[in-house]
Amino acid sequence: MEDEMEFISDGTMFDRNGALYFVYDESEFSGFPGCKTSLKLTEDTLRMKRIGSEASGYGTELVFKKGMRFTSRYNTPYGHFDMEVLTTDVKTDLSEEGFGNIRLDYDVCFQGIAEGRNTIDIEIMQ
C-alpha cells in the first residue's frame, strides 16, 4: 500500500560551518503539532531532529546517509519506540543559495516489527 502526504511550511535556512540548516515548525497537518524540526545537510548526509514541547511528547533524531544503518529512539505521546533506518539514497539538487530539492529513500523498522520503505521529497523554495 502506498500513502502520499504533502505539506508546505515556512522556515528558516542558514549556513553554519559548511552545513546547510533548514528549520521549521510542524503543523497539525503534518501530525506533529507543537514540534520544531531542523534538517542539517552536509555533503552526503541529512540529519533530521524533531523536538516537541514537553506536552507534545514528540522527539527524535534520524541520520540519513547512503548505505548507513542508524538506530534511534522515537518518542511519542503514546510511548517510546526503537526505530532503525537504512538509507538507500540521499540525492540533492540545490542551487548555491540552497534552493532546490532533496530526496531521501530509506527502509524503516519500528521495534523490529513494522517495516516499510519510504521516500521523502523536500523542495526548498524562496
PDB file of N, CA and C in Angstrom:
ATOM      1  N   MET A   1       0.849  -1.180   0.000  1.00  0.00           N
ATOM      2  CA  MET A   1       0.000   0.000   0.000  1.00  0.00           C
ATOM      3  C   MET A   1       0.888   1.236   0.000  1.00  0.00           C
ATOM      4  N   GLU A   2       0.509   2.213  -0.796  1.00  0.00           N
ATOM      5  CA  GLU A   2       1.299   3.419  -0.912  1.00  0.00           C
ATOM      6  C   GLU A   2       0.481   4.613  -0.429  1.00  0.00           C
ATOM      7  N   ASP A   3       1.017   5.357   0.530  1.00  0.00           N
ATOM      8  CA  ASP A   3       0.386   6.576   1.018  1.00  0.00           C
ATOM      9  C   ASP A   3       1.250   7.747   0.603  1.00  0.00           C
ATOM     10  N   GLU A   4       0.606   8.865   0.334  1.00  0.00           N
ATOM     11  CA  GLU A   4       1.326  10.064  -0.039  1.00  0.00           C
ATOM     12  C   GLU A   4       0.806  11.213   0.789  1.00  0.00           C
ATOM     13  N   MET A   5       1.717  12.063   1.247  1.00  0.00           N
ATOM     14  CA  MET A   5       1.351  13.210   2.056  1.00  0.00           C
ATOM     15  C   MET A   5       2.160  14.400   1.565  1.00  0.00           C
ATOM     16  N   GLU A   6       1.543  15.571   1.518  1.00  0.00           N
ATOM     17  CA  GLU A   6       2.255  16.776   1.110  1.00  0.00           C
ATOM     18  C   GLU A   6       1.853  17.904   2.028  1.00  0.00           C
ATOM     19  N   PHE A   7       2.838  18.672   2.470  1.00  0.00           N
ATOM     20  CA  PHE A   7       2.509  19.879   3.210  1.00  0.00           C
ATOM     21  C   PHE A   7       3.576  20.931   2.949  1.00  0.00           C
ATOM     22  N   ILE A   8       3.178  22.177   3.139  1.00  0.00           N
ATOM     23  CA  ILE A   8       4.060  23.322   2.912  1.00  0.00           C
ATOM     24  C   ILE A   8       4.225  24.049   4.227  1.00  0.00           C
ATOM     25  N   SER A   9       5.449  24.458   4.512  1.00  0.00           N
ATOM     26  CA  SER A   9       5.732  25.138   5.771  1.00  0.00           C
ATOM     27  C   SER A   9       6.737  26.255   5.532  1.00  0.00           C
ATOM     28  N   ASP A  10       6.558  27.357   6.232  1.00  0.00           N
ATOM     29  CA  ASP A  10       7.562  28.420   6.225  1.00  0.00           C
ATOM     30  C   ASP A  10       8.678  28.015   7.165  1.00  0.00           C
ATOM     31  N   GLY A  11       9.885  28.408   6.831  1.00  0.00           N
ATOM     32  CA  GLY A  11      11.010  28.066   7.685  1.00  0.00           C
ATOM     33  C   GLY A  11      12.169  29.018   7.488  1.00  0.00           C
ATOM     34  N   THR A  12      13.249  28.687   8.133  1.00  0.00           N
ATOM     35  CA  THR A  12      14.473  29.481   8.074  1.00  0.00           C
ATOM     36  C   THR A  12      15.581  28.606   7.521  1.00  0.00           C
ATOM     37  N   MET A  13      16.435  29.207   6.693  1.00  0.00           N
ATOM     38  CA  MET A  13      17.581  28.491   6.142  1.00  0.00           C
ATOM     39  C   MET A  13      18.827  29.297   6.480  1.00  0.00           C
ATOM     40  N   PHE A  14      19.896  28.578   6.893  1.00  0.00           N
ATOM     41  CA  PHE A  14      21.166  29.259   7.143  1.00  0.00           C
ATOM     42  C   PHE A  14      22.311  28.277   6.962  1.00  0.00           C
ATOM     43  N   ASP A  15      23.489  28.829   6.793  1.00  0.00           N
ATOM     44  CA  ASP A  15      24.718  28.055   6.599  1.00  0.00           C
ATOM     45  C   ASP A  15      25.569  28.241   7.846  1.00  0.00           C
ATOM     46  N   ARG A  16      26.054  27.131   8.405  1.00  0.00           N
ATOM     47  CA  ARG A  16      26.930  27.205   9.577  1.00  0.00           C
ATOM     48  C   ARG A  16      28.007  26.142   9.438  1.00  0.00           C
ATOM     49  N   ASN A  17      29.250  26.568   9.437  1.00  0.00           N
ATOM     50  CA  ASN A  17      30.401  25.660   9.361  1.00  0.00           C
ATOM     51  C   ASN A  17      30.309  24.673   8.197  1.00  0.00           C
ATOM     52  N   GLY A  18      29.870  25.152   7.037  1.00  0.00           N
ATOM     53  CA  GLY A  18      29.817  24.303   5.851  1.00  0.00           C
ATOM     54  C   GLY A  18      28.603  23.409   5.751  1.00  0.00           C
ATOM     55  N   ALA A  19      27.674  23.510   6.681  1.00  0.00           N
ATOM     56  CA  ALA A  19      26.430  22.725   6.630  1.00  0.00           C
ATOM     57  C   ALA A  19      25.256  23.669   6.412  1.00  0.00           C
ATOM     58  N   LEU A  20      24.275  23.221   5.627  1.00  0.00           N
ATOM     59  CA  LEU A  20      23.040  23.983   5.431  1.00  0.00           C
ATOM     60  C   LEU A  20      22.014  23.499   6.441  1.00  0.00           C
ATOM     61  N   TYR A  21      21.350  24.437   7.082  1.00  0.00           N
ATOM     62  CA  TYR A  21      20.306  24.120   8.054  1.00  0.00           C
ATOM     63  C   TYR A  21      18.975  24.651   7.551  1.00  0.00           C
ATOM     64  N   PHE A  22      17.936  23.854   7.736  1.00  0.00           N
ATOM     65  CA  PHE A  22      16.565  24.240   7.427  1.00  0.00           C
ATOM     66  C   PHE A  22      15.769  23.971   8.697  1.00  0.00           C
ATOM     67  N   VAL A  23      15.105  25.007   9.235  1.00  0.00           N
ATOM     68  CA  VAL A  23      14.372  24.861  10.498  1.00  0.00           C
ATOM     69  C   VAL A  23      12.938  25.340  10.276  1.00  0.00           C
ATOM     70  N   TYR A  24      11.973  24.529  10.706  1.00  0.00           N
ATOM     71  CA  TYR A  24      10.569  24.905  10.532  1.00  0.00           C
ATOM     72  C   TYR A  24       9.730  24.316  11.654  1.00  0.00           C
ATOM     73  N   ASP A  25       8.566  24.917  11.860  1.00  0.00           N
ATOM     74  CA  ASP A  25       7.602  24.431  12.845  1.00  0.00           C
ATOM     75  C   ASP A  25       6.662  23.462  12.156  1.00  0.00           C
ATOM     76  N   GLU A  26       6.435  22.321  12.796  1.00  0.00           N
ATOM     77  CA  GLU A  26       5.484  21.342  12.283  1.00  0.00           C
ATOM     78  C   GLU A  26       4.069  21.857  12.542  1.00  0.00           C
ATOM     79  N   SER A  27       3.123  21.337  11.780  1.00  0.00           N
ATOM     80  CA  SER A  27       1.733  21.750  11.937  1.00  0.00           C
ATOM     81  C   SER A  27       0.882  20.552  12.351  1.00  0.00           C
ATOM     82  N   GLU A  28      -0.352  20.823  12.643  1.00  0.00           N
ATOM     83  CA  GLU A  28      -1.303  19.760  12.956  1.00  0.00           C
ATOM     84  C   GLU A  28      -1.419  18.808  11.758  1.00  0.00           C
ATOM     85  N   PHE A  29      -1.362  19.376  10.551  1.00  0.00           N
ATOM     86  CA  PHE A  29      -1.493  18.592   9.324  1.00  0.00           C
ATOM     87  C   PHE A  29      -0.366  17.570   9.173  1.00  0.00           C
ATOM     88  N   SER A  30       0.846  17.943   9.593  1.00  0.00           N
ATOM     89  CA  SER A  30       1.986  17.024   9.452  1.00  0.00           C
ATOM     90  C   SER A  30       1.910  15.880  10.463  1.00  0.00           C
ATOM     91  N   GLY A  31       1.067  16.047  11.481  1.00  0.00           N
ATOM     92  CA  GLY A  31       0.938  15.011  12.500  1.00  0.00           C
ATOM     93  C   GLY A  31       1.848  15.227  13.703  1.00  0.00           C
ATOM     94  N   PHE A  32       2.574  16.344  13.704  1.00  0.00           N
ATOM     95  CA  PHE A  32       3.490  16.648  14.812  1.00  0.00           C
ATOM     96  C   PHE A  32       3.266  18.059  15.331  1.00  0.00           C
ATOM     97  N   PRO A  33       2.048  18.390  15.754  1.00  0.00           N
ATOM     98  CA  PRO A  33       1.792  19.750  16.224  1.00  0.00           C
ATOM     99  C   PRO A  33       2.657  20.084  17.438  1.00  0.00           C
ATOM    100  N   GLY A  34       3.139  21.324  17.472  1.00  0.00           N
ATOM    101  CA  GLY A  34       3.956  21.760  18.606  1.00  0.00           C
ATOM    102  C   GLY A  34       5.403  21.350  18.515  1.00  0.00           C
ATOM    103  N   CYS A  35       5.834  20.820  17.376  1.00  0.00           N
ATOM    104  CA  CYS A  35       7.223  20.388  17.202  1.00  0.00           C
ATOM    105  C   CYS A  35       7.977  21.349  16.287  1.00  0.00           C
ATOM    106  N   LYS A  36       9.256  21.442  16.522  1.00  0.00           N
ATOM    107  CA  LYS A  36      10.162  22.173  15.647  1.00  0.00           C
ATOM    108  C   LYS A  36      11.095  21.129  15.041  1.00  0.00           C
ATOM    109  N   THR A  37      11.284  21.203  13.724  1.00  0.00           N
ATOM    110  CA  THR A  37      12.147  20.260  13.029  1.00  0.00           C
ATOM    111  C   THR A  37      13.307  21.008  12.409  1.00  0.00           C
ATOM    112  N   SER A  38      14.498  20.446  12.565  1.00  0.00           N
ATOM    113  CA  SER A  38      15.666  21.015  11.895  1.00  0.00           C
ATOM    114  C   SER A  38      16.296  19.942  11.031  1.00  0.00           C
ATOM    115  N   LEU A  39      16.683  20.349   9.837  1.00  0.00           N
ATOM    116  CA  LEU A  39      17.391  19.491   8.905  1.00  0.00           C
ATOM    117  C   LEU A  39      18.785  20.057   8.746  1.00  0.00           C
ATOM    118  N   LYS A  40      19.794  19.225   8.916  1.00  0.00           N
ATOM    119  CA  LYS A  40      21.186  19.632   8.734  1.00  0.00           C
ATOM    120  C   LYS A  40      21.738  18.828   7.565  1.00  0.00           C
ATOM    121  N   LEU A  41      22.122  19.538   6.514  1.00  0.00           N
ATOM    122  CA  LEU A  41      22.602  18.891   5.301  1.00  0.00           C
ATOM    123  C   LEU A  41      24.088  19.165   5.120  1.00  0.00           C
ATOM    124  N   THR A  42      24.866  18.084   5.048  1.00  0.00           N
ATOM    125  CA  THR A  42      26.271  18.171   4.688  1.00  0.00           C
ATOM    126  C   THR A  42      26.413  17.494   3.331  1.00  0.00           C
ATOM    127  N   GLU A  43      27.613  17.264   2.870  1.00  0.00           N
ATOM    128  CA  GLU A  43      27.832  16.739   1.520  1.00  0.00           C
ATOM    129  C   GLU A  43      26.969  15.530   1.172  1.00  0.00           C
ATOM    130  N   ASP A  44      26.950  14.506   2.019  1.00  0.00           N
ATOM    131  CA  ASP A  44      26.239  13.264   1.694  1.00  0.00           C
ATOM    132  C   ASP A  44      25.316  12.782   2.812  1.00  0.00           C
ATOM    133  N   THR A  45      25.043  13.650   3.782  1.00  0.00           N
ATOM    134  CA  THR A  45      24.269  13.235   4.947  1.00  0.00           C
ATOM    135  C   THR A  45      23.214  14.273   5.303  1.00  0.00           C
ATOM    136  N   LEU A  46      22.027  13.802   5.646  1.00  0.00           N
ATOM    137  CA  LEU A  46      20.972  14.673   6.156  1.00  0.00           C
ATOM    138  C   LEU A  46      20.623  14.184   7.556  1.00  0.00           C
ATOM    139  N   ARG A  47      20.692  15.088   8.519  1.00  0.00           N
ATOM    140  CA  ARG A  47      20.324  14.779   9.905  1.00  0.00           C
ATOM    141  C   ARG A  47      19.032  15.528  10.207  1.00  0.00           C
ATOM    142  N   MET A  48      18.000  14.785  10.610  1.00  0.00           N
ATOM    143  CA  MET A  48      16.718  15.379  10.956  1.00  0.00           C
ATOM    144  C   MET A  48      16.511  15.267  12.461  1.00  0.00           C
ATOM    145  N   LYS A  49      16.242  16.397  13.071  1.00  0.00           N
ATOM    146  CA  LYS A  49      15.994  16.412  14.512  1.00  0.00           C
ATOM    147  C   LYS A  49      14.651  17.069  14.747  1.00  0.00           C
ATOM    148  N   ARG A  50      13.760  16.343  15.393  1.00  0.00           N
ATOM    149  CA  ARG A  50      12.430  16.866  15.703  1.00  0.00           C
ATOM    150  C   ARG A  50      12.316  16.980  17.217  1.00  0.00           C
ATOM    151  N   ILE A  51      12.009  18.186  17.661  1.00  0.00           N
ATOM    152  CA  ILE A  51      11.892  18.440  19.092  1.00  0.00           C
ATOM    153  C   ILE A  51      10.497  18.971  19.378  1.00  0.00           C
ATOM    154  N   GLY A  52       9.814  18.315  20.284  1.00  0.00           N
ATOM    155  CA  GLY A  52       8.478  18.752  20.666  1.00  0.00           C
ATOM    156  C   GLY A  52       8.490  19.362  22.053  1.00  0.00           C
ATOM    157  N   SER A  53       7.424  20.069  22.351  1.00  0.00           N
ATOM    158  CA  SER A  53       7.278  20.588  23.707  1.00  0.00           C
ATOM    159  C   SER A  53       7.109  19.397  24.646  1.00  0.00           C
ATOM    160  N   GLU A  54       7.317  19.628  25.907  1.00  0.00           N
ATOM    161  CA  GLU A  54       7.153  18.537  26.866  1.00  0.00           C
ATOM    162  C   GLU A  54       5.723  17.994  26.810  1.00  0.00           C
ATOM    163  N   ALA A  55       4.772  18.889  26.565  1.00  0.00           N
ATOM    164  CA  ALA A  55       3.366  18.480  26.498  1.00  0.00           C
ATOM    165  C   ALA A  55       3.100  17.597  25.281  1.00  0.00           C
ATOM    166  N   SER A  56       3.809  17.856  24.165  1.00  0.00           N
ATOM    167  CA  SER A  56       3.537  17.069  22.955  1.00  0.00           C
ATOM    168  C   SER A  56       4.078  15.649  23.075  1.00  0.00           C
ATOM    169  N   GLY A  57       5.205  15.485  23.765  1.00  0.00           N
ATOM    170  CA  GLY A  57       5.783  14.158  23.931  1.00  0.00           C
ATOM    171  C   GLY A  57       6.608  13.671  22.750  1.00  0.00           C
ATOM    172  N   TYR A  58       6.662  14.461  21.660  1.00  0.00           N
ATOM    173  CA  TYR A  58       7.394  14.036  20.475  1.00  0.00           C
ATOM    174  C   TYR A  58       8.867  14.407  20.555  1.00  0.00           C
ATOM    175  N   GLY A  59       9.688  13.590  19.917  1.00  0.00           N
ATOM    176  CA  GLY A  59      11.102  13.898  19.787  1.00  0.00           C
ATOM    177  C   GLY A  59      11.851  12.734  19.168  1.00  0.00           C
ATOM    178  N   THR A  60      12.739  13.045  18.253  1.00  0.00           N
ATOM    179  CA  THR A  60      13.568  12.020  17.645  1.00  0.00           C
ATOM    180  C   THR A  60      14.689  12.677  16.863  1.00  0.00           C
ATOM    181  N   GLU A  61      15.688  11.890  16.556  1.00  0.00           N
ATOM    182  CA  GLU A  61      16.758  12.329  15.680  1.00  0.00           C
ATOM    183  C   GLU A  61      17.084  11.181  14.743  1.00  0.00           C
ATOM    184  N   LEU A  62      17.137  11.479  13.448  1.00  0.00           N
ATOM    185  CA  LEU A  62      17.440  10.470  12.436  1.00  0.00           C
ATOM    186  C   LEU A  62      18.589  10.954  11.570  1.00  0.00           C
ATOM    187  N   VAL A  63      19.412  10.034  11.130  1.00  0.00           N
ATOM    188  CA  VAL A  63      20.512  10.357  10.233  1.00  0.00           C
ATOM    189  C   VAL A  63      20.336   9.532   8.967  1.00  0.00           C
ATOM    190  N   PHE A  64      20.404  10.220   7.825  1.00  0.00           N
ATOM    191  CA  PHE A  64      20.264   9.578   6.521  1.00  0.00           C
ATOM    192  C   PHE A  64      21.574   9.739   5.754  1.00  0.00           C
ATOM    193  N   LYS A  65      22.251   8.627   5.515  1.00  0.00           N
ATOM    194  CA  LYS A  65      23.479   8.604   4.724  1.00  0.00           C
ATOM    195  C   LYS A  65      23.463   7.302   3.936  1.00  0.00           C
ATOM    196  N   LYS A  66      23.673   7.400   2.634  1.00  0.00           N
ATOM    197  CA  LYS A  66      23.566   6.243   1.754  1.00  0.00           C
ATOM    198  C   LYS A  66      24.368   5.058   2.292  1.00  0.00           C
ATOM    199  N   GLY A  67      23.687   3.901   2.417  1.00  0.00           N
ATOM    200  CA  GLY A  67      24.316   2.680   2.880  1.00  0.00           C
ATOM    201  C   GLY A  67      24.474   2.575   4.385  1.00  0.00           C
ATOM    202  N   MET A  68      24.061   3.606   5.130  1.00  0.00           N
ATOM    203  CA  MET A  68      24.246   3.616   6.581  1.00  0.00           C
ATOM    204  C   MET A  68      22.973   3.182   7.305  1.00  0.00           C
ATOM    205  N   ARG A  69      23.153   2.384   8.342  1.00  0.00           N
ATOM    206  CA  ARG A  69      22.059   1.971   9.226  1.00  0.00           C
ATOM    207  C   ARG A  69      22.166   2.830  10.487  1.00  0.00           C
ATOM    208  N   PHE A  70      21.042   3.435  10.884  1.00  0.00           N
ATOM    209  CA  PHE A  70      21.033   4.322  12.044  1.00  0.00           C
ATOM    210  C   PHE A  70      19.901   3.920  12.975  1.00  0.00           C
ATOM    211  N   THR A  71      20.200   3.783  14.252  1.00  0.00           N
ATOM    212  CA  THR A  71      19.209   3.413  15.251  1.00  0.00           C
ATOM    213  C   THR A  71      18.931   4.604  16.149  1.00  0.00           C
ATOM    214  N   SER A  72      17.663   4.788  16.482  1.00  0.00           N
ATOM    215  CA  SER A  72      17.255   5.929  17.291  1.00  0.00           C
ATOM    216  C   SER A  72      16.065   5.529  18.156  1.00  0.00           C
ATOM    217  N   ARG A  73      15.710   6.399  19.057  1.00  0.00           N
ATOM    218  CA  ARG A  73      14.505   6.221  19.865  1.00  0.00           C
ATOM    219  C   ARG A  73      13.502   7.265  19.416  1.00  0.00           C
ATOM    220  N   TYR A  74      12.310   6.809  19.079  1.00  0.00           N
ATOM    221  CA  TYR A  74      11.243   7.672  18.590  1.00  0.00           C
ATOM    222  C   TYR A  74      10.274   7.897  19.740  1.00  0.00           C
ATOM    223  N   ASN A  75      10.193   9.133  20.206  1.00  0.00           N
ATOM    224  CA  ASN A  75       9.343   9.469  21.350  1.00  0.00           C
ATOM    225  C   ASN A  75       8.017  10.023  20.862  1.00  0.00           C
ATOM    226  N   THR A  76       6.923   9.466  21.367  1.00  0.00           N
ATOM    227  CA  THR A  76       5.580   9.920  21.017  1.00  0.00           C
ATOM    228  C   THR A  76       4.776  10.072  22.302  1.00  0.00           C
ATOM    229  N   PRO A  77       3.614  10.721  22.238  1.00  0.00           N
ATOM    230  CA  PRO A  77       2.763  10.812  23.429  1.00  0.00           C
ATOM    231  C   PRO A  77       2.276   9.438  23.898  1.00  0.00           C
ATOM    232  N   TYR A  78       2.413   8.417  23.037  1.00  0.00           N
ATOM    233  CA  TYR A  78       1.904   7.081  23.350  1.00  0.00           C
ATOM    234  C   TYR A  78       2.998   6.125  23.830  1.00  0.00           C
ATOM    235  N   GLY A  79       4.216   6.637  23.915  1.00  0.00           N
ATOM    236  CA  GLY A  79       5.323   5.809  24.370  1.00  0.00           C
ATOM    237  C   GLY A  79       6.561   5.987  23.504  1.00  0.00           C
ATOM    238  N   HIS A  80       7.603   5.248  23.850  1.00  0.00           N
ATOM    239  CA  HIS A  80       8.875   5.325  23.145  1.00  0.00           C
ATOM    240  C   HIS A  80       9.065   4.043  22.330  1.00  0.00           C
ATOM    241  N   PHE A  81       9.583   4.212  21.114  1.00  0.00           N
ATOM    242  CA  PHE A  81       9.797   3.072  20.231  1.00  0.00           C
ATOM    243  C   PHE A  81      11.228   3.101  19.695  1.00  0.00           C
ATOM    244  N   ASP A  82      11.843   1.933  19.626  1.00  0.00           N
ATOM    245  CA  ASP A  82      13.138   1.845  18.967  1.00  0.00           C
ATOM    246  C   ASP A  82      12.876   1.849  17.467  1.00  0.00           C
ATOM    247  N   MET A  83      13.703   2.592  16.766  1.00  0.00           N
ATOM    248  CA  MET A  83      13.496   2.766  15.341  1.00  0.00           C
ATOM    249  C   MET A  83      14.834   2.648  14.638  1.00  0.00           C
ATOM    250  N   GLU A  84      14.829   2.016  13.478  1.00  0.00           N
ATOM    251  CA  GLU A  84      16.048   1.852  12.704  1.00  0.00           C
ATOM    252  C   GLU A  84      15.771   2.248  11.261  1.00  0.00           C
ATOM    253  N   VAL A  85      16.684   3.029  10.681  1.00  0.00           N
ATOM    254  CA  VAL A  85      16.571   3.372   9.269  1.00  0.00           C
ATOM    255  C   VAL A  85      17.820   2.903   8.541  1.00  0.00           C
ATOM    256  N   LEU A  86      17.615   2.400   7.338  1.00  0.00           N
ATOM    257  CA  LEU A  86      18.705   2.026   6.447  1.00  0.00           C
ATOM    258  C   LEU A  86      18.506   2.855   5.185  1.00  0.00           C
ATOM    259  N   THR A  87      19.415   3.787   4.940  1.00  0.00           N
ATOM    260  CA  THR A  87      19.267   4.721   3.829  1.00  0.00           C
ATOM    261  C   THR A  87      19.779   4.105   2.535  1.00  0.00           C
ATOM    262  N   THR A  88      18.904   4.080   1.545  1.00  0.00           N
ATOM    263  CA  THR A  88      19.244   3.585   0.217  1.00  0.00           C
ATOM    264  C   THR A  88      19.901   4.686  -0.606  1.00  0.00           C
ATOM    265  N   ASP A  89      19.387   5.930  -0.451  1.00  0.00           N
ATOM    266  CA  ASP A  89      19.930   7.020  -1.251  1.00  0.00           C
ATOM    267  C   ASP A  89      19.600   8.375  -0.643  1.00  0.00           C
ATOM    268  N   VAL A  90      20.517   9.316  -0.822  1.00  0.00           N
ATOM    269  CA  VAL A  90      20.323  10.723  -0.495  1.00  0.00           C
ATOM    270  C   VAL A  90      20.745  11.492  -1.739  1.00  0.00           C
ATOM    271  N   LYS A  91      19.789  12.203  -2.350  1.00  0.00           N
ATOM    272  CA  LYS A  91      20.101  12.985  -3.548  1.00  0.00           C
ATOM    273  C   LYS A  91      19.781  14.445  -3.279  1.00  0.00           C
ATOM    274  N   THR A  92      20.702  15.318  -3.656  1.00  0.00           N
ATOM    275  CA  THR A  92      20.469  16.746  -3.501  1.00  0.00           C
ATOM    276  C   THR A  92      20.680  17.431  -4.843  1.00  0.00           C
ATOM    277  N   ASP A  93      19.832  18.390  -5.120  1.00  0.00           N
ATOM    278  CA  ASP A  93      19.952  19.222  -6.304  1.00  0.00           C
ATOM    279  C   ASP A  93      19.605  20.640  -5.851  1.00  0.00           C
ATOM    280  N   LEU A  94      20.592  21.305  -5.242  1.00  0.00           N
ATOM    281  CA  LEU A  94      20.383  22.629  -4.665  1.00  0.00           C
ATOM    282  C   LEU A  94      21.244  23.663  -5.373  1.00  0.00           C
ATOM    283  N   SER A  95      20.705  24.861  -5.471  1.00  0.00           N
ATOM    284  CA  SER A  95      21.474  25.976  -6.022  1.00  0.00           C
ATOM    285  C   SER A  95      22.503  26.428  -4.984  1.00  0.00           C
ATOM    286  N   GLU A  96      23.378  27.326  -5.378  1.00  0.00           N
ATOM    287  CA  GLU A  96      24.368  27.863  -4.436  1.00  0.00           C
ATOM    288  C   GLU A  96      23.691  28.559  -3.260  1.00  0.00           C
ATOM    289  N   GLU A  97      22.486  29.088  -3.492  1.00  0.00           N
ATOM    290  CA  GLU A  97      21.742  29.771  -2.427  1.00  0.00           C
ATOM    291  C   GLU A  97      21.025  28.781  -1.505  1.00  0.00           C
ATOM    292  N   GLY A  98      20.988  27.508  -1.883  1.00  0.00           N
ATOM    293  CA  GLY A  98      20.357  26.493  -1.042  1.00  0.00           C
ATOM    294  C   GLY A  98      18.946  26.121  -1.447  1.00  0.00           C
ATOM    295  N   PHE A  99      18.473  26.628  -2.581  1.00  0.00           N
ATOM    296  CA  PHE A  99      17.122  26.306  -3.036  1.00  0.00           C
ATOM    297  C   PHE A  99      17.174  25.125  -4.000  1.00  0.00           C
ATOM    298  N   GLY A 100      16.121  24.313  -3.990  1.00  0.00           N
ATOM    299  CA  GLY A 100      16.088  23.150  -4.870  1.00  0.00           C
ATOM    300  C   GLY A 100      15.454  21.964  -4.176  1.00  0.00           C
ATOM    301  N   ASN A 101      15.986  20.758  -4.467  1.00  0.00           N
ATOM    302  CA  ASN A 101      15.359  19.528  -3.989  1.00  0.00           C
ATOM    303  C   ASN A 101      16.327  18.616  -3.237  1.00  0.00           C
ATOM    304  N   ILE A 102      15.750  17.923  -2.256  1.00  0.00           N
ATOM    305  CA  ILE A 102      16.448  16.875  -1.504  1.00  0.00           C
ATOM    306  C   ILE A 102      15.534  15.656  -1.548  1.00  0.00           C
ATOM    307  N   ARG A 103      16.090  14.496  -1.858  1.00  0.00           N
ATOM    308  CA  ARG A 103      15.292  13.262  -1.902  1.00  0.00           C
ATOM    309  C   ARG A 103      15.971  12.207  -1.031  1.00  0.00           C
ATOM    310  N   LEU A 104      15.187  11.622  -0.128  1.00  0.00           N
ATOM    311  CA  LEU A 104      15.651  10.546   0.737  1.00  0.00           C
ATOM    312  C   LEU A 104      14.893   9.279   0.384  1.00  0.00           C
ATOM    313  N   ASP A 105      15.609   8.174   0.299  1.00  0.00           N
ATOM    314  CA  ASP A 105      14.997   6.866   0.047  1.00  0.00           C
ATOM    315  C   ASP A 105      15.545   5.944   1.134  1.00  0.00           C
ATOM    316  N   TYR A 106      14.667   5.362   1.937  1.00  0.00           N
ATOM    317  CA  TYR A 106      15.140   4.564   3.070  1.00  0.00           C
ATOM    318  C   TYR A 106      14.126   3.513   3.504  1.00  0.00           C
ATOM    319  N   ASP A 107      14.634   2.516   4.191  1.00  0.00           N
ATOM    320  CA  ASP A 107      13.813   1.497   4.840  1.00  0.00           C
ATOM    321  C   ASP A 107      13.754   1.841   6.319  1.00  0.00           C
ATOM    322  N   VAL A 108      12.612   1.604   6.921  1.00  0.00           N
ATOM    323  CA  VAL A 108      12.442   1.898   8.342  1.00  0.00           C
ATOM    324  C   VAL A 108      11.859   0.678   9.044  1.00  0.00           C
ATOM    325  N   CYS A 109      12.272   0.486  10.290  1.00  0.00           N
ATOM    326  CA  CYS A 109      11.789  -0.627  11.098  1.00  0.00           C
ATOM    327  C   CYS A 109      11.516  -0.112  12.510  1.00  0.00           C
ATOM    328  N   PHE A 110      10.292  -0.337  13.011  1.00  0.00           N
ATOM    329  CA  PHE A 110       9.917   0.048  14.371  1.00  0.00           C
ATOM    330  C   PHE A 110       9.907  -1.185  15.259  1.00  0.00           C
ATOM    331  N   GLN A 111      10.706  -1.160  16.328  1.00  0.00           N
ATOM    332  CA  GLN A 111      10.719  -2.232  17.322  1.00  0.00           C
ATOM    333  C   GLN A 111      10.978  -3.603  16.695  1.00  0.00           C
ATOM    334  N   GLY A 112      11.567  -3.656  15.523  1.00  0.00           N
ATOM    335  CA  GLY A 112      11.809  -4.935  14.874  1.00  0.00           C
ATOM    336  C   GLY A 112      10.548  -5.590  14.342  1.00  0.00           C
ATOM    337  N   ILE A 113       9.428  -4.835  14.351  1.00  0.00           N
ATOM    338  CA  ILE A 113       8.144  -5.415  13.966  1.00  0.00           C
ATOM    339  C   ILE A 113       7.628  -4.822  12.653  1.00  0.00           C
ATOM    340  N   ALA A 114       7.343  -3.548  12.658  1.00  0.00           N
ATOM    341  CA  ALA A 114       6.758  -2.896  11.484  1.00  0.00           C
ATOM    342  C   ALA A 114       7.874  -2.393  10.574  1.00  0.00           C
ATOM    343  N   GLU A 115       7.819  -2.802   9.339  1.00  0.00           N
ATOM    344  CA  GLU A 115       8.838  -2.385   8.379  1.00  0.00           C
ATOM    345  C   GLU A 115       8.174  -1.709   7.190  1.00  0.00           C
ATOM    346  N   GLY A 116       8.919  -0.805   6.566  1.00  0.00           N
ATOM    347  CA  GLY A 116       8.376  -0.140   5.392  1.00  0.00           C
ATOM    348  C   GLY A 116       9.453   0.589   4.624  1.00  0.00           C
ATOM    349  N   ARG A 117       9.160   0.862   3.383  1.00  0.00           N
ATOM    350  CA  ARG A 117      10.046   1.615   2.501  1.00  0.00           C
ATOM    351  C   ARG A 117       9.471   3.011   2.371  1.00  0.00           C
ATOM    352  N   ASN A 118      10.305   4.031   2.499  1.00  0.00           N
ATOM    353  CA  ASN A 118       9.835   5.408   2.459  1.00  0.00           C
ATOM    354  C   ASN A 118      10.685   6.251   1.532  1.00  0.00           C
ATOM    355  N   THR A 119      10.043   7.248   0.958  1.00  0.00           N
ATOM    356  CA  THR A 119      10.711   8.259   0.171  1.00  0.00           C
ATOM    357  C   THR A 119      10.223   9.610   0.667  1.00  0.00           C
ATOM    358  N   ILE A 120      11.156  10.521   0.895  1.00  0.00           N
ATOM    359  CA  ILE A 120      10.803  11.883   1.270  1.00  0.00           C
ATOM    360  C   ILE A 120      11.392  12.809   0.222  1.00  0.00           C
ATOM    361  N   ASP A 121      10.542  13.650  -0.358  1.00  0.00           N
ATOM    362  CA  ASP A 121      10.983  14.668  -1.295  1.00  0.00           C
ATOM    363  C   ASP A 121      10.794  16.010  -0.629  1.00  0.00           C
ATOM    364  N   ILE A 122      11.866  16.766  -0.502  1.00  0.00           N
ATOM    365  CA  ILE A 122      11.829  18.082   0.139  1.00  0.00           C
ATOM    366  C   ILE A 122      12.181  19.109  -0.927  1.00  0.00           C
ATOM    367  N   GLU A 123      11.320  20.087  -1.087  1.00  0.00           N
ATOM    368  CA  GLU A 123      11.596  21.172  -2.029  1.00  0.00           C
ATOM    369  C   GLU A 123      11.780  22.458  -1.237  1.00  0.00           C
ATOM    370  N   ILE A 124      12.955  23.060  -1.363  1.00  0.00           N
ATOM    371  CA  ILE A 124      13.267  24.315  -0.676  1.00  0.00           C
ATOM    372  C   ILE A 124      13.015  25.439  -1.667  1.00  0.00           C
ATOM    373  N   MET A 125      12.020  26.292  -1.351  1.00  0.00           N
ATOM    374  CA  MET A 125      11.657  27.377  -2.248  1.00  0.00           C
ATOM    375  C   MET A 125      11.900  28.729  -1.571  1.00  0.00           C
ATOM    376  N   GLN A 126      11.995  29.751  -2.407  1.00  0.00           N
ATOM    377  CA  GLN A 126      12.187  31.118  -1.880  1.00  0.00           C
ATOM    378  C   GLN A 126      10.909  31.648  -1.316  1.00  0.00           C
TER     379      GLN A 126
END
